[in-house]
Amino acid sequence: MTILYLFDIDGTILRSGGAGNRGLNQVFKQKFGVSDAMTGYMAGGKTDPLIVNELVQRHLDRDATALEIQEVIAAYLPLLKIELANSPEFKIMDWAIECIDWLEKRDDAFLCLATGNMRQAAKHKLDVISLWRKFADGGFADDSGDRRELVKAGKARGLALFPDCRQTVIVGDTPRDIDAARAADSLVIAVTTGSFTRDELLSADYVIDSLRELPEIHRALVG
């Protein structure tokens, strides 16, 4: 059996060391006069457009307009790239590169993304560790601010590229990844490297503490 893997990024493959938070803080200060907009805000599993809207709700007591979301994200993307280049706490998750390299070399696995990042933000983050080129395509926040819908979009793109795949597996670190995987009729591997505990991820098909454990699951799935 051939498997299509859709990987989340933040908390699953890497931690940006607060680069995204710093970028959004700058934009909200410039555009809305709000300082430290991200302080105390939990972004895990959320999409970039949803984060912007929730920050506007939180600080301005209203919904963001579609134009405001577009403008904030457009201003944020170049700042993110700068912050990533100057992020001393940037961290690669344990065995993330080795796991992705291992899957890439197999003829029974194909790699795409399923991330709440905008496509360009995902590229900025993965380029830091030279992994962007490892993924054929994916689902991104450009597709939808709803994680369920972007995962479905990523699955559709992946299966169009690799029609021989008989199973799709979402790899993420939050309950939102699990929920989106269910909506996309996919298996889900939850890794505890993010901000959620094992107990909070128990509804996944597999819960692992490191991507080091994924190859064993893959071997079992393909038989």
N, C-alpha and C. Protein backbone atom coordinates (compact mmCIF):
# COMPACT_ATOMS: atom_id res chain seq x y z
N MET A 1 0.84 -1.20 0.00
CA MET A 1 0.00 0.00 0.00
C MET A 1 0.88 1.25 0.00
N THR A 2 0.45 2.24 -0.76
CA THR A 2 1.16 3.52 -0.83
C THR A 2 0.40 4.57 -0.02
N ILE A 3 1.14 5.36 0.75
CA ILE A 3 0.51 6.31 1.67
C ILE A 3 0.90 7.74 1.32
N LEU A 4 -0.09 8.63 1.34
CA LEU A 4 0.14 10.06 1.21
C LEU A 4 0.18 10.65 2.62
N TYR A 5 1.30 11.27 2.97
CA TYR A 5 1.44 11.94 4.26
C TYR A 5 1.26 13.44 4.09
N LEU A 6 0.44 14.03 4.96
CA LEU A 6 0.24 15.47 4.99
C LEU A 6 0.74 15.98 6.34
N PHE A 7 1.84 16.72 6.32
CA PHE A 7 2.48 17.18 7.55
C PHE A 7 2.08 18.60 7.92
N ASP A 8 1.76 18.78 9.19
CA ASP A 8 1.70 20.10 9.80
C ASP A 8 3.14 20.60 9.96
N ILE A 9 3.30 21.89 10.24
CA ILE A 9 4.65 22.46 10.39
C ILE A 9 4.95 22.83 11.84
N ASP A 10 4.24 23.83 12.37
CA ASP A 10 4.58 24.38 13.70
C ASP A 10 4.24 23.39 14.80
N GLY A 11 5.24 23.05 15.61
CA GLY A 11 5.05 22.10 16.68
C GLY A 11 5.22 20.66 16.26
N THR A 12 5.21 20.43 14.95
CA THR A 12 5.36 19.08 14.41
C THR A 12 6.74 18.91 13.78
N ILE A 13 7.10 19.83 12.90
CA ILE A 13 8.41 19.79 12.25
C ILE A 13 9.38 20.75 12.93
N LEU A 14 8.87 21.90 13.36
CA LEU A 14 9.75 22.93 13.92
C LEU A 14 9.00 23.86 14.85
N ARG A 15 9.78 24.63 15.60
CA ARG A 15 9.28 25.79 16.35
C ARG A 15 10.03 27.00 15.84
N SER A 16 9.33 28.04 15.53
CA SER A 16 9.98 29.21 14.93
C SER A 16 10.65 30.12 15.94
N GLY A 17 10.57 29.77 17.22
CA GLY A 17 11.19 30.60 18.24
C GLY A 17 10.53 31.95 18.44
N GLY A 18 9.22 31.99 18.18
CA GLY A 18 8.48 33.24 18.36
C GLY A 18 8.53 34.20 17.18
N ALA A 19 9.10 33.75 16.05
CA ALA A 19 9.22 34.62 14.88
C ALA A 19 7.86 35.10 14.38
N GLY A 20 6.90 34.21 14.33
CA GLY A 20 5.56 34.59 13.88
C GLY A 20 4.91 35.58 14.82
N ASN A 21 5.04 35.33 16.11
CA ASN A 21 4.47 36.25 17.10
C ASN A 21 5.07 37.64 16.97
N ARG A 22 6.38 37.71 16.82
CA ARG A 22 7.04 39.01 16.71
C ARG A 22 6.60 39.73 15.44
N GLY A 23 6.45 39.00 14.35
CA GLY A 23 6.00 39.61 13.11
C GLY A 23 4.60 40.17 13.24
N LEU A 24 3.67 39.40 13.81
CA LEU A 24 2.30 39.87 13.98
C LEU A 24 2.23 41.03 14.98
N ASN A 25 3.05 40.98 16.01
CA ASN A 25 3.07 42.11 16.95
C ASN A 25 3.43 43.41 16.25
N GLN A 26 4.39 43.35 15.35
CA GLN A 26 4.80 44.54 14.62
C GLN A 26 3.66 45.07 13.74
N VAL A 27 2.98 44.15 13.05
CA VAL A 27 1.90 44.57 12.16
C VAL A 27 0.75 45.19 12.95
N PHE A 28 0.37 44.56 14.06
CA PHE A 28 -0.75 45.09 14.85
C PHE A 28 -0.41 46.44 15.48
N LYS A 29 0.85 46.63 15.82
CA LYS A 29 1.27 47.92 16.34
C LYS A 29 1.18 48.99 15.26
N GLN A 30 1.66 48.65 14.07
CA GLN A 30 1.67 49.61 12.96
C GLN A 30 0.27 49.91 12.45
N LYS A 31 -0.56 48.88 12.33
CA LYS A 31 -1.86 49.04 11.68
C LYS A 31 -2.97 49.48 12.65
N PHE A 32 -2.93 48.93 13.88
CA PHE A 32 -4.03 49.18 14.81
C PHE A 32 -3.60 49.90 16.09
N GLY A 33 -2.30 50.13 16.25
CA GLY A 33 -1.83 50.77 17.47
C GLY A 33 -1.88 49.87 18.68
N VAL A 34 -1.93 48.56 18.45
CA VAL A 34 -2.01 47.57 19.53
C VAL A 34 -0.61 47.03 19.81
N SER A 35 -0.15 47.14 21.04
CA SER A 35 1.16 46.62 21.41
C SER A 35 1.04 45.19 21.93
N ASP A 36 2.04 44.37 21.59
CA ASP A 36 2.11 42.99 22.11
C ASP A 36 0.81 42.23 21.90
N ALA A 37 0.30 42.29 20.70
CA ALA A 37 -1.01 41.68 20.40
C ALA A 37 -1.05 40.18 20.67
N MET A 38 0.09 39.51 20.51
CA MET A 38 0.11 38.05 20.66
C MET A 38 0.31 37.58 22.10
N THR A 39 0.58 38.49 23.01
CA THR A 39 0.84 38.10 24.40
C THR A 39 -0.36 37.37 25.00
N GLY A 40 -0.14 36.15 25.48
CA GLY A 40 -1.20 35.37 26.10
C GLY A 40 -2.13 34.68 25.14
N TYR A 41 -1.88 34.81 23.84
CA TYR A 41 -2.76 34.20 22.83
C TYR A 41 -2.22 32.83 22.44
N MET A 42 -3.10 31.83 22.37
CA MET A 42 -2.72 30.47 22.00
C MET A 42 -3.08 30.22 20.53
N ALA A 43 -2.04 30.07 19.71
CA ALA A 43 -2.27 29.95 18.26
C ALA A 43 -2.24 28.51 17.78
N GLY A 44 -1.96 27.56 18.66
CA GLY A 44 -1.76 26.18 18.24
C GLY A 44 -2.91 25.61 17.41
N GLY A 45 -2.59 25.15 16.20
CA GLY A 45 -3.57 24.51 15.34
C GLY A 45 -4.45 25.46 14.55
N LYS A 46 -4.31 26.76 14.78
CA LYS A 46 -5.16 27.74 14.10
C LYS A 46 -4.51 28.21 12.80
N THR A 47 -5.33 28.70 11.90
CA THR A 47 -4.83 29.20 10.62
C THR A 47 -4.47 30.67 10.73
N ASP A 48 -3.60 31.13 9.83
CA ASP A 48 -3.20 32.54 9.85
C ASP A 48 -4.40 33.49 9.78
N PRO A 49 -5.37 33.29 8.87
CA PRO A 49 -6.52 34.21 8.84
C PRO A 49 -7.34 34.17 10.13
N LEU A 50 -7.50 32.97 10.70
CA LEU A 50 -8.25 32.86 11.96
C LEU A 50 -7.53 33.59 13.08
N ILE A 51 -6.21 33.46 13.13
CA ILE A 51 -5.43 34.15 14.16
C ILE A 51 -5.63 35.66 14.04
N VAL A 52 -5.53 36.19 12.83
CA VAL A 52 -5.72 37.64 12.64
C VAL A 52 -7.10 38.07 13.10
N ASN A 53 -8.12 37.31 12.71
CA ASN A 53 -9.48 37.69 13.10
C ASN A 53 -9.67 37.64 14.62
N GLU A 54 -9.13 36.59 15.25
CA GLU A 54 -9.29 36.47 16.70
C GLU A 54 -8.52 37.56 17.44
N LEU A 55 -7.39 37.97 16.90
CA LEU A 55 -6.65 39.07 17.53
C LEU A 55 -7.41 40.39 17.43
N VAL A 56 -8.04 40.62 16.28
CA VAL A 56 -8.86 41.83 16.12
C VAL A 56 -10.05 41.77 17.10
N GLN A 57 -10.69 40.60 17.20
CA GLN A 57 -11.79 40.46 18.15
C GLN A 57 -11.32 40.74 19.57
N ARG A 58 -10.17 40.22 19.90
CA ARG A 58 -9.65 40.33 21.26
C ARG A 58 -9.27 41.76 21.64
N HIS A 59 -8.65 42.46 20.70
CA HIS A 59 -8.12 43.78 21.03
C HIS A 59 -9.02 44.94 20.59
N LEU A 60 -9.84 44.70 19.56
CA LEU A 60 -10.67 45.79 19.04
C LEU A 60 -12.16 45.54 19.21
N ASP A 61 -12.48 44.36 19.76
CA ASP A 61 -13.88 44.03 20.08
C ASP A 61 -14.79 44.03 18.85
N ARG A 62 -14.27 43.53 17.76
CA ARG A 62 -15.07 43.39 16.53
C ARG A 62 -14.39 42.36 15.64
N ASP A 63 -15.10 41.94 14.60
CA ASP A 63 -14.49 41.06 13.60
C ASP A 63 -13.60 41.86 12.67
N ALA A 64 -12.56 41.23 12.18
CA ALA A 64 -11.74 41.85 11.13
C ALA A 64 -12.47 41.76 9.80
N THR A 65 -12.31 42.75 8.97
CA THR A 65 -12.87 42.67 7.62
C THR A 65 -11.96 41.78 6.77
N ALA A 66 -12.49 41.30 5.66
CA ALA A 66 -11.69 40.48 4.76
C ALA A 66 -10.47 41.25 4.26
N LEU A 67 -10.67 42.54 3.99
CA LEU A 67 -9.56 43.37 3.52
C LEU A 67 -8.49 43.52 4.60
N GLU A 68 -8.92 43.71 5.84
CA GLU A 68 -7.95 43.83 6.94
C GLU A 68 -7.13 42.56 7.10
N ILE A 69 -7.77 41.42 7.00
CA ILE A 69 -7.05 40.15 7.10
C ILE A 69 -6.00 40.06 5.99
N GLN A 70 -6.40 40.41 4.77
CA GLN A 70 -5.47 40.38 3.64
C GLN A 70 -4.31 41.34 3.87
N GLU A 71 -4.59 42.53 4.35
CA GLU A 71 -3.55 43.54 4.55
C GLU A 71 -2.59 43.13 5.67
N VAL A 72 -3.13 42.60 6.75
CA VAL A 72 -2.27 42.17 7.86
C VAL A 72 -1.34 41.05 7.40
N ILE A 73 -1.89 40.08 6.69
CA ILE A 73 -1.06 38.96 6.23
C ILE A 73 -0.02 39.42 5.23
N ALA A 74 -0.40 40.32 4.33
CA ALA A 74 0.56 40.83 3.34
C ALA A 74 1.72 41.56 4.03
N ALA A 75 1.42 42.28 5.11
CA ALA A 75 2.48 42.98 5.85
C ALA A 75 3.30 42.02 6.70
N TYR A 76 2.65 40.97 7.17
CA TYR A 76 3.29 40.00 8.05
C TYR A 76 4.32 39.12 7.36
N LEU A 77 4.06 38.71 6.13
CA LEU A 77 4.91 37.72 5.45
C LEU A 77 6.37 38.17 5.32
N PRO A 78 6.66 39.38 4.85
CA PRO A 78 8.07 39.78 4.79
C PRO A 78 8.71 39.95 6.17
N LEU A 79 7.92 40.35 7.15
CA LEU A 79 8.45 40.47 8.52
C LEU A 79 8.78 39.10 9.09
N LEU A 80 7.94 38.12 8.78
CA LEU A 80 8.21 36.75 9.23
C LEU A 80 9.55 36.26 8.72
N LYS A 81 9.83 36.51 7.45
CA LYS A 81 11.11 36.07 6.87
C LYS A 81 12.28 36.70 7.60
N ILE A 82 12.16 37.97 7.91
CA ILE A 82 13.23 38.67 8.64
C ILE A 82 13.39 38.09 10.04
N GLU A 83 12.27 37.88 10.71
CA GLU A 83 12.32 37.36 12.08
C GLU A 83 12.88 35.94 12.12
N LEU A 84 12.57 35.13 11.13
CA LEU A 84 13.09 33.76 11.09
C LEU A 84 14.61 33.76 10.95
N ALA A 85 15.12 34.73 10.21
CA ALA A 85 16.57 34.81 10.00
C ALA A 85 17.29 35.27 11.26
N ASN A 86 16.54 35.82 12.22
CA ASN A 86 17.13 36.35 13.45
C ASN A 86 16.42 35.76 14.67
N SER A 87 16.19 34.44 14.62
CA SER A 87 15.44 33.78 15.69
C SER A 87 16.32 32.75 16.38
N PRO A 88 17.01 33.16 17.46
CA PRO A 88 17.95 32.24 18.11
C PRO A 88 17.29 31.03 18.74
N GLU A 89 15.98 31.10 19.03
CA GLU A 89 15.29 29.97 19.65
C GLU A 89 14.57 29.08 18.62
N PHE A 90 14.83 29.31 17.33
CA PHE A 90 14.30 28.42 16.29
C PHE A 90 14.74 26.99 16.61
N LYS A 91 13.82 26.04 16.50
CA LYS A 91 14.14 24.67 16.87
C LYS A 91 13.55 23.68 15.89
N ILE A 92 14.34 22.70 15.48
CA ILE A 92 13.85 21.59 14.67
C ILE A 92 13.41 20.49 15.62
N MET A 93 12.22 19.95 15.42
CA MET A 93 11.73 18.89 16.28
C MET A 93 12.58 17.63 16.12
N ASP A 94 12.67 16.88 17.20
CA ASP A 94 13.48 15.67 17.23
C ASP A 94 13.13 14.73 16.07
N TRP A 95 14.11 14.40 15.31
CA TRP A 95 14.05 13.44 14.21
C TRP A 95 13.15 13.90 13.05
N ALA A 96 12.79 15.17 12.99
CA ALA A 96 11.92 15.65 11.91
C ALA A 96 12.60 15.52 10.56
N ILE A 97 13.82 16.00 10.44
CA ILE A 97 14.53 15.92 9.16
C ILE A 97 14.78 14.48 8.78
N GLU A 98 15.21 13.68 9.74
CA GLU A 98 15.51 12.27 9.45
C GLU A 98 14.26 11.51 9.00
N CYS A 99 13.12 11.80 9.66
CA CYS A 99 11.86 11.13 9.31
C CYS A 99 11.41 11.51 7.90
N ILE A 100 11.47 12.78 7.60
CA ILE A 100 11.05 13.25 6.27
C ILE A 100 11.98 12.71 5.20
N ASP A 101 13.27 12.70 5.46
CA ASP A 101 14.23 12.12 4.51
C ASP A 101 13.96 10.65 4.30
N TRP A 102 13.65 9.94 5.37
CA TRP A 102 13.38 8.50 5.30
C TRP A 102 12.14 8.23 4.43
N LEU A 103 11.08 8.99 4.66
CA LEU A 103 9.86 8.81 3.88
C LEU A 103 10.08 9.18 2.41
N GLU A 104 10.84 10.24 2.19
CA GLU A 104 11.07 10.72 0.83
C GLU A 104 11.76 9.66 -0.03
N LYS A 105 12.60 8.86 0.58
CA LYS A 105 13.37 7.87 -0.17
C LYS A 105 12.58 6.59 -0.47
N ARG A 106 11.42 6.46 0.11
CA ARG A 106 10.63 5.24 -0.07
C ARG A 106 9.72 5.37 -1.29
N ASP A 107 9.38 4.21 -1.88
CA ASP A 107 8.47 4.23 -3.02
C ASP A 107 7.03 3.94 -2.60
N ASP A 108 6.80 3.82 -1.28
CA ASP A 108 5.45 3.60 -0.78
C ASP A 108 4.97 4.76 0.09
N ALA A 109 5.60 5.93 -0.06
CA ALA A 109 5.21 7.11 0.70
C ALA A 109 5.43 8.36 -0.13
N PHE A 110 4.49 9.31 -0.03
CA PHE A 110 4.62 10.59 -0.70
C PHE A 110 4.30 11.70 0.30
N LEU A 111 4.92 12.84 0.12
CA LEU A 111 4.88 13.91 1.12
C LEU A 111 4.20 15.18 0.60
N CYS A 112 3.23 15.65 1.38
CA CYS A 112 2.63 16.96 1.16
C CYS A 112 2.47 17.64 2.51
N LEU A 113 1.93 18.84 2.52
CA LEU A 113 1.74 19.61 3.74
C LEU A 113 0.26 19.83 4.03
N ALA A 114 -0.06 20.01 5.30
CA ALA A 114 -1.39 20.44 5.72
C ALA A 114 -1.17 21.36 6.89
N THR A 115 -1.09 22.65 6.62
CA THR A 115 -0.66 23.63 7.61
C THR A 115 -1.56 24.85 7.65
N GLY A 116 -1.70 25.42 8.85
CA GLY A 116 -2.47 26.64 8.99
C GLY A 116 -1.72 27.87 8.52
N ASN A 117 -0.48 27.70 8.11
CA ASN A 117 0.30 28.81 7.54
C ASN A 117 -0.18 29.15 6.14
N MET A 118 -0.05 30.41 5.76
CA MET A 118 -0.16 30.75 4.35
C MET A 118 0.96 30.02 3.60
N ARG A 119 0.77 29.77 2.33
CA ARG A 119 1.77 29.04 1.55
C ARG A 119 3.14 29.71 1.66
N GLN A 120 3.18 31.04 1.53
CA GLN A 120 4.46 31.73 1.58
C GLN A 120 5.08 31.66 2.97
N ALA A 121 4.26 31.70 4.01
CA ALA A 121 4.78 31.57 5.37
C ALA A 121 5.36 30.18 5.59
N ALA A 122 4.67 29.16 5.06
CA ALA A 122 5.19 27.79 5.16
C ALA A 122 6.54 27.67 4.47
N LYS A 123 6.65 28.28 3.31
CA LYS A 123 7.92 28.24 2.58
C LYS A 123 9.02 28.94 3.37
N HIS A 124 8.72 30.11 3.91
CA HIS A 124 9.71 30.83 4.71
C HIS A 124 10.24 29.96 5.84
N LYS A 125 9.33 29.28 6.54
CA LYS A 125 9.73 28.48 7.70
C LYS A 125 10.54 27.25 7.27
N LEU A 126 10.07 26.54 6.27
CA LEU A 126 10.75 25.30 5.87
C LEU A 126 12.05 25.58 5.13
N ASP A 127 12.15 26.73 4.49
CA ASP A 127 13.41 27.09 3.81
C ASP A 127 14.56 27.25 4.80
N VAL A 128 14.24 27.61 6.04
CA VAL A 128 15.29 27.76 7.05
C VAL A 128 16.06 26.46 7.24
N ILE A 129 15.36 25.32 7.09
CA ILE A 129 16.00 24.02 7.28
C ILE A 129 16.00 23.20 5.98
N SER A 130 15.84 23.90 4.86
CA SER A 130 15.95 23.28 3.52
C SER A 130 15.00 22.10 3.33
N LEU A 131 13.77 22.24 3.84
CA LEU A 131 12.79 21.15 3.69
C LEU A 131 11.66 21.46 2.72
N TRP A 132 11.52 22.73 2.31
CA TRP A 132 10.38 23.08 1.45
C TRP A 132 10.32 22.20 0.21
N ARG A 133 11.43 21.96 -0.41
CA ARG A 133 11.46 21.19 -1.66
C ARG A 133 11.09 19.73 -1.45
N LYS A 134 11.07 19.26 -0.22
CA LYS A 134 10.75 17.85 0.06
C LYS A 134 9.26 17.56 -0.12
N PHE A 135 8.43 18.60 -0.09
CA PHE A 135 6.97 18.41 -0.14
C PHE A 135 6.44 18.80 -1.51
N ALA A 136 5.66 17.89 -2.09
CA ALA A 136 5.18 18.10 -3.46
C ALA A 136 4.18 19.24 -3.56
N ASP A 137 3.31 19.37 -2.55
CA ASP A 137 2.28 20.42 -2.53
C ASP A 137 1.62 20.34 -1.17
N GLY A 138 0.36 20.74 -1.08
CA GLY A 138 -0.33 20.63 0.19
C GLY A 138 -1.54 21.52 0.30
N GLY A 139 -2.06 21.60 1.52
CA GLY A 139 -3.16 22.49 1.84
C GLY A 139 -2.66 23.59 2.74
N PHE A 140 -3.08 24.83 2.48
CA PHE A 140 -2.55 26.00 3.19
C PHE A 140 -3.70 26.94 3.56
N ALA A 141 -3.37 27.92 4.39
CA ALA A 141 -4.40 28.87 4.80
C ALA A 141 -4.89 29.72 3.63
N ASP A 142 -4.13 29.75 2.52
CA ASP A 142 -4.61 30.42 1.31
C ASP A 142 -5.90 29.74 0.81
N ASP A 143 -6.02 28.44 1.07
CA ASP A 143 -7.19 27.69 0.61
C ASP A 143 -8.42 28.00 1.45
N SER A 144 -8.21 28.13 2.77
CA SER A 144 -9.33 28.40 3.67
C SER A 144 -8.80 28.74 5.05
N GLY A 145 -9.53 29.58 5.76
CA GLY A 145 -9.22 29.84 7.15
C GLY A 145 -9.71 28.73 8.06
N ASP A 146 -10.47 27.79 7.50
CA ASP A 146 -11.00 26.63 8.21
C ASP A 146 -10.04 25.46 8.00
N ARG A 147 -9.46 24.96 9.07
CA ARG A 147 -8.45 23.91 8.93
C ARG A 147 -9.01 22.66 8.25
N ARG A 148 -10.25 22.34 8.52
CA ARG A 148 -10.86 21.16 7.87
C ARG A 148 -10.79 21.30 6.35
N GLU A 149 -11.13 22.48 5.87
CA GLU A 149 -11.19 22.69 4.42
C GLU A 149 -9.80 22.70 3.79
N LEU A 150 -8.83 23.27 4.46
CA LEU A 150 -7.48 23.30 3.86
C LEU A 150 -6.87 21.90 3.85
N VAL A 151 -7.19 21.08 4.85
CA VAL A 151 -6.70 19.69 4.84
C VAL A 151 -7.35 18.92 3.69
N LYS A 152 -8.63 19.13 3.48
CA LYS A 152 -9.30 18.48 2.34
C LYS A 152 -8.66 18.92 1.03
N ALA A 153 -8.32 20.20 0.92
CA ALA A 153 -7.68 20.72 -0.30
C ALA A 153 -6.31 20.08 -0.48
N GLY A 154 -5.54 19.97 0.61
CA GLY A 154 -4.23 19.34 0.52
C GLY A 154 -4.32 17.88 0.12
N LYS A 155 -5.29 17.18 0.67
CA LYS A 155 -5.49 15.77 0.31
C LYS A 155 -5.84 15.65 -1.17
N ALA A 156 -6.73 16.51 -1.65
CA ALA A 156 -7.12 16.46 -3.06
C ALA A 156 -5.93 16.72 -3.98
N ARG A 157 -5.11 17.70 -3.64
CA ARG A 157 -3.93 17.97 -4.46
C ARG A 157 -2.95 16.80 -4.43
N GLY A 158 -2.75 16.26 -3.24
CA GLY A 158 -1.83 15.14 -3.11
C GLY A 158 -2.27 13.93 -3.91
N LEU A 159 -3.55 13.61 -3.83
CA LEU A 159 -4.05 12.44 -4.56
C LEU A 159 -4.07 12.68 -6.07
N ALA A 160 -4.21 13.93 -6.48
CA ALA A 160 -4.11 14.24 -7.91
C ALA A 160 -2.69 14.01 -8.41
N LEU A 161 -1.70 14.30 -7.56
CA LEU A 161 -0.30 14.09 -7.93
C LEU A 161 0.10 12.63 -7.81
N PHE A 162 -0.47 11.95 -6.81
CA PHE A 162 -0.07 10.57 -6.52
C PHE A 162 -1.32 9.69 -6.43
N PRO A 163 -1.95 9.42 -7.56
CA PRO A 163 -3.24 8.71 -7.56
C PRO A 163 -3.18 7.27 -7.08
N ASP A 164 -1.99 6.70 -6.97
CA ASP A 164 -1.88 5.33 -6.50
C ASP A 164 -1.96 5.20 -4.99
N CYS A 165 -1.96 6.32 -4.27
CA CYS A 165 -2.03 6.28 -2.80
C CYS A 165 -3.39 5.72 -2.36
N ARG A 166 -3.35 4.79 -1.44
CA ARG A 166 -4.57 4.14 -0.95
C ARG A 166 -4.95 4.59 0.46
N GLN A 167 -4.08 5.37 1.07
CA GLN A 167 -4.35 5.87 2.41
C GLN A 167 -3.73 7.25 2.57
N THR A 168 -4.41 8.10 3.33
CA THR A 168 -3.87 9.42 3.65
C THR A 168 -3.70 9.52 5.15
N VAL A 169 -2.53 10.02 5.57
CA VAL A 169 -2.22 10.15 6.99
C VAL A 169 -1.84 11.60 7.28
N ILE A 170 -2.55 12.22 8.22
CA ILE A 170 -2.24 13.57 8.67
C ILE A 170 -1.28 13.45 9.85
N VAL A 171 -0.21 14.23 9.84
CA VAL A 171 0.74 14.24 10.95
C VAL A 171 0.72 15.63 11.56
N GLY A 172 0.28 15.73 12.82
CA GLY A 172 0.17 17.03 13.46
C GLY A 172 0.35 16.94 14.96
N ASP A 173 0.13 18.05 15.64
CA ASP A 173 0.40 18.10 17.08
C ASP A 173 -0.72 18.70 17.90
N THR A 174 -1.90 18.92 17.29
CA THR A 174 -2.99 19.57 18.02
C THR A 174 -4.31 18.83 17.80
N PRO A 175 -5.27 19.03 18.70
CA PRO A 175 -6.61 18.47 18.48
C PRO A 175 -7.25 18.95 17.18
N ARG A 176 -6.89 20.14 16.72
CA ARG A 176 -7.43 20.64 15.46
C ARG A 176 -6.94 19.81 14.27
N ASP A 177 -5.70 19.32 14.35
CA ASP A 177 -5.21 18.42 13.30
C ASP A 177 -6.02 17.13 13.29
N ILE A 178 -6.34 16.63 14.46
CA ILE A 178 -7.13 15.40 14.57
C ILE A 178 -8.51 15.61 13.99
N ASP A 179 -9.15 16.70 14.38
CA ASP A 179 -10.49 17.01 13.88
C ASP A 179 -10.50 17.16 12.36
N ALA A 180 -9.50 17.84 11.83
CA ALA A 180 -9.44 18.04 10.37
C ALA A 180 -9.19 16.73 9.65
N ALA A 181 -8.38 15.87 10.23
CA ALA A 181 -8.12 14.56 9.63
C ALA A 181 -9.40 13.75 9.54
N ARG A 182 -10.19 13.78 10.60
CA ARG A 182 -11.46 13.05 10.58
C ARG A 182 -12.38 13.59 9.49
N ALA A 183 -12.42 14.92 9.36
CA ALA A 183 -13.28 15.53 8.34
C ALA A 183 -12.82 15.17 6.94
N ALA A 184 -11.52 14.90 6.80
CA ALA A 184 -10.96 14.54 5.49
C ALA A 184 -10.85 13.03 5.30
N ASP A 185 -11.50 12.27 6.19
CA ASP A 185 -11.50 10.80 6.09
C ASP A 185 -10.08 10.26 5.99
N SER A 186 -9.23 10.70 6.92
CA SER A 186 -7.82 10.31 6.92
C SER A 186 -7.41 9.79 8.29
N LEU A 187 -6.39 8.96 8.32
CA LEU A 187 -5.78 8.59 9.58
C LEU A 187 -4.99 9.77 10.11
N VAL A 188 -4.69 9.74 11.41
CA VAL A 188 -3.93 10.85 11.98
C VAL A 188 -2.94 10.34 13.02
N ILE A 189 -1.71 10.83 12.88
CA ILE A 189 -0.65 10.60 13.86
C ILE A 189 -0.43 11.91 14.59
N ALA A 190 -0.61 11.90 15.90
CA ALA A 190 -0.40 13.10 16.71
C ALA A 190 0.90 12.97 17.48
N VAL A 191 1.74 13.98 17.39
CA VAL A 191 3.02 13.98 18.07
C VAL A 191 2.97 14.99 19.22
N THR A 192 3.53 14.62 20.36
CA THR A 192 3.39 15.44 21.57
C THR A 192 4.46 16.51 21.69
N THR A 193 5.03 16.91 20.56
CA THR A 193 6.10 17.93 20.58
C THR A 193 5.57 19.35 20.56
N GLY A 194 4.27 19.50 20.45
CA GLY A 194 3.67 20.84 20.45
C GLY A 194 3.27 21.27 21.85
N SER A 195 2.16 21.98 21.95
CA SER A 195 1.73 22.53 23.24
C SER A 195 0.60 21.73 23.88
N PHE A 196 0.30 20.55 23.32
CA PHE A 196 -0.78 19.73 23.86
C PHE A 196 -0.22 18.44 24.43
N THR A 197 -0.86 17.96 25.48
CA THR A 197 -0.40 16.76 26.16
C THR A 197 -0.88 15.50 25.45
N ARG A 198 -0.28 14.39 25.82
CA ARG A 198 -0.71 13.09 25.28
C ARG A 198 -2.19 12.87 25.54
N ASP A 199 -2.66 13.18 26.74
CA ASP A 199 -4.07 12.98 27.06
C ASP A 199 -4.99 13.80 26.16
N GLU A 200 -4.53 14.98 25.76
CA GLU A 200 -5.35 15.83 24.90
C GLU A 200 -5.35 15.36 23.44
N LEU A 201 -4.47 14.42 23.12
CA LEU A 201 -4.34 13.94 21.74
C LEU A 201 -4.77 12.49 21.57
N LEU A 202 -5.37 11.92 22.60
CA LEU A 202 -5.67 10.49 22.59
C LEU A 202 -6.69 10.07 21.54
N SER A 203 -7.42 11.01 20.97
CA SER A 203 -8.40 10.63 19.94
C SER A 203 -7.75 10.38 18.58
N ALA A 204 -6.44 10.62 18.48
CA ALA A 204 -5.72 10.31 17.24
C ALA A 204 -5.60 8.80 17.08
N ASP A 205 -5.31 8.35 15.86
CA ASP A 205 -5.10 6.91 15.64
C ASP A 205 -3.81 6.45 16.29
N TYR A 206 -2.81 7.33 16.26
CA TYR A 206 -1.53 7.04 16.91
C TYR A 206 -1.06 8.30 17.62
N VAL A 207 -0.55 8.15 18.83
CA VAL A 207 0.06 9.27 19.55
C VAL A 207 1.52 8.90 19.82
N ILE A 208 2.42 9.75 19.38
CA ILE A 208 3.85 9.48 19.52
C ILE A 208 4.54 10.66 20.19
N ASP A 209 5.67 10.40 20.80
CA ASP A 209 6.42 11.46 21.47
C ASP A 209 7.49 12.07 20.59
N SER A 210 7.75 11.44 19.46
CA SER A 210 8.79 11.93 18.54
C SER A 210 8.53 11.34 17.16
N LEU A 211 8.93 12.07 16.13
CA LEU A 211 8.81 11.54 14.77
C LEU A 211 9.74 10.36 14.54
N ARG A 212 10.63 10.09 15.48
CA ARG A 212 11.46 8.89 15.42
C ARG A 212 10.59 7.63 15.37
N GLU A 213 9.38 7.71 15.91
CA GLU A 213 8.49 6.55 15.98
C GLU A 213 7.67 6.35 14.71
N LEU A 214 7.64 7.34 13.83
CA LEU A 214 6.78 7.25 12.65
C LEU A 214 7.17 6.13 11.68
N PRO A 215 8.45 5.89 11.39
CA PRO A 215 8.79 4.80 10.46
C PRO A 215 8.21 3.44 10.87
N GLU A 216 8.18 3.16 12.16
CA GLU A 216 7.60 1.88 12.62
C GLU A 216 6.11 1.81 12.30
N ILE A 217 5.42 2.95 12.49
CA ILE A 217 3.98 2.98 12.14
C ILE A 217 3.81 2.80 10.65
N HIS A 218 4.65 3.46 9.87
CA HIS A 218 4.56 3.31 8.41
C HIS A 218 4.72 1.86 7.99
N ARG A 219 5.70 1.19 8.52
CA ARG A 219 5.93 -0.21 8.16
C ARG A 219 4.70 -1.06 8.49
N ALA A 220 4.07 -0.78 9.63
CA ALA A 220 2.88 -1.54 10.01
C ALA A 220 1.71 -1.26 9.07
N LEU A 221 1.58 0.01 8.65
CA LEU A 221 0.46 0.37 7.76
C LEU A 221 0.60 -0.25 6.37
N VAL A 222 1.79 -0.27 5.86
CA VAL A 222 1.98 -0.79 4.50
C VAL A 222 2.09 -2.31 4.49
N GLY A 223 2.22 -2.89 5.65
CA GLY A 223 2.29 -4.36 5.74
C GLY A 223 3.61 -4.89 5.27
